Amino acid sequence: MSLFNDELIEKIIQMTWRNPAFMAIAIAMVWLIPQLLIRRIMAQNYEESKLTKQKQKIDKLYPSSFK
């Protein structure tokens, strides 16, 4: 005898995967979570490159050979 009968499994599938509201939320999560992670990584990279460019410009204005 199986732990779950076929009727229970079908009912769970019908309540979740065939539910439009659940599917909309699931698709939105699959779409948004990676997008947020990538956006955070890209923002960090942008800030780091911005600081390095700023440092390079300052180094051009005040070269270390005069010190």
C-alpha atoms as a PDB file:
ATOM      1  CA  MET A   1       0.000   0.000   0.000  1.00  0.00           C
ATOM      2  CA  SER A   2       1.400   3.347  -0.980  1.00  0.00           C
ATOM      3  CA  LEU A   3       1.710   6.233   1.435  1.00  0.00           C
ATOM      4  CA  PHE A   4      -0.340   8.568  -0.751  1.00  0.00           C
ATOM      5  CA  ASN A   5      -3.213   7.375  -2.857  1.00  0.00           C
ATOM      6  CA  ASP A   6      -3.763   8.632  -6.398  1.00  0.00           C
ATOM      7  CA  GLU A   7      -6.690  10.825  -5.440  1.00  0.00           C
ATOM      8  CA  LEU A   8      -4.637  12.735  -2.872  1.00  0.00           C
ATOM      9  CA  ILE A   9      -1.774  13.252  -5.313  1.00  0.00           C
ATOM     10  CA  GLU A  10      -4.177  14.486  -7.996  1.00  0.00           C
ATOM     11  CA  LYS A  11      -5.808  16.858  -5.511  1.00  0.00           C
ATOM     12  CA  ILE A  12      -2.422  18.320  -4.483  1.00  0.00           C
ATOM     13  CA  ILE A  13      -1.434  18.785  -8.130  1.00  0.00           C
ATOM     14  CA  GLN A  14      -4.751  20.430  -8.905  1.00  0.00           C
ATOM     15  CA  MET A  15      -4.447  22.804  -5.938  1.00  0.00           C
ATOM     16  CA  THR A  16      -0.910  23.888  -6.811  1.00  0.00           C
ATOM     17  CA  TRP A  17       0.322  23.429 -10.375  1.00  0.00           C
ATOM     18  CA  ARG A  18      -3.041  23.907 -12.035  1.00  0.00           C
ATOM     19  CA  ASN A  19      -3.888  26.927  -9.919  1.00  0.00           C
ATOM     20  CA  PRO A  20      -3.402  30.140 -11.950  1.00  0.00           C
ATOM     21  CA  ALA A  21      -2.610  32.266  -8.895  1.00  0.00           C
ATOM     22  CA  PHE A  22       0.064  29.841  -7.696  1.00  0.00           C
ATOM     23  CA  MET A  23       1.585  29.604 -11.156  1.00  0.00           C
ATOM     24  CA  ALA A  24       1.658  33.398 -11.518  1.00  0.00           C
ATOM     25  CA  ILE A  25       3.503  33.723  -8.209  1.00  0.00           C
ATOM     26  CA  ALA A  26       5.874  30.856  -9.046  1.00  0.00           C
ATOM     27  CA  ILE A  27       6.752  32.316 -12.451  1.00  0.00           C
ATOM     28  CA  ALA A  28       7.209  35.773 -10.940  1.00  0.00           C
ATOM     29  CA  MET A  29       9.586  34.375  -8.317  1.00  0.00           C
ATOM     30  CA  VAL A  30      11.590  32.440 -10.886  1.00  0.00           C
ATOM     31  CA  TRP A  31      11.808  35.629 -12.949  1.00  0.00           C
ATOM     32  CA  LEU A  32      12.472  38.185 -10.199  1.00  0.00           C
ATOM     33  CA  ILE A  33      14.894  36.482  -7.791  1.00  0.00           C
ATOM     34  CA  PRO A  34      17.704  35.979 -10.331  1.00  0.00           C
ATOM     35  CA  GLN A  35      17.069  39.456 -11.710  1.00  0.00           C
ATOM     36  CA  LEU A  36      17.503  40.993  -8.262  1.00  0.00           C
ATOM     37  CA  LEU A  37      20.690  39.033  -7.629  1.00  0.00           C
ATOM     38  CA  ILE A  38      22.178  40.014 -10.976  1.00  0.00           C
ATOM     39  CA  ARG A  39      21.204  43.646 -10.417  1.00  0.00           C
ATOM     40  CA  ARG A  40      22.950  43.689  -7.028  1.00  0.00           C
ATOM     41  CA  ILE A  41      26.126  42.168  -8.501  1.00  0.00           C
ATOM     42  CA  MET A  42      26.107  44.621 -11.409  1.00  0.00           C
ATOM     43  CA  ALA A  43      25.639  47.568  -9.022  1.00  0.00           C
ATOM     44  CA  GLN A  44      28.628  46.440  -6.941  1.00  0.00           C
ATOM     45  CA  ASN A  45      30.764  46.078 -10.059  1.00  0.00           C
ATOM     46  CA  TYR A  46      29.689  49.526 -11.251  1.00  0.00           C
ATOM     47  CA  GLU A  47      30.607  51.136  -7.939  1.00  0.00           C
ATOM     48  CA  GLU A  48      34.015  49.441  -7.915  1.00  0.00           C
ATOM     49  CA  SER A  49      34.770  50.517 -11.486  1.00  0.00           C
ATOM     50  CA  LYS A  50      33.595  54.028 -10.707  1.00  0.00           C
ATOM     51  CA  LEU A  51      35.990  54.263  -7.771  1.00  0.00           C
ATOM     52  CA  THR A  52      38.917  52.903  -9.772  1.00  0.00           C
ATOM     53  CA  LYS A  53      38.265  55.389 -12.597  1.00  0.00           C
ATOM     54  CA  GLN A  54      38.066  58.205 -10.062  1.00  0.00           C
ATOM     55  CA  LYS A  55      41.365  57.097  -8.514  1.00  0.00           C
ATOM     56  CA  GLN A  56      43.014  56.968 -11.940  1.00  0.00           C
ATOM     57  CA  LYS A  57      41.845  60.504 -12.732  1.00  0.00           C
ATOM     58  CA  ILE A  58      43.154  61.766  -9.398  1.00  0.00           C
ATOM     59  CA  ASP A  59      46.477  60.029 -10.028  1.00  0.00           C
ATOM     60  CA  LYS A  60      46.734  61.805 -13.389  1.00  0.00           C
ATOM     61  CA  LEU A  61      46.196  65.169 -11.708  1.00  0.00           C
ATOM     62  CA  TYR A  62      48.644  64.483  -8.886  1.00  0.00           C
ATOM     63  CA  PRO A  63      51.347  62.131 -10.138  1.00  0.00           C
ATOM     64  CA  SER A  64      53.483  60.392  -7.529  1.00  0.00           C
ATOM     65  CA  SER A  65      56.744  61.539  -9.164  1.00  0.00           C
ATOM     66  CA  PHE A  66      56.359  65.012  -7.607  1.00  0.00           C
ATOM     67  CA  LYS A  67      56.147  63.669  -4.076  1.00  0.00           C
END
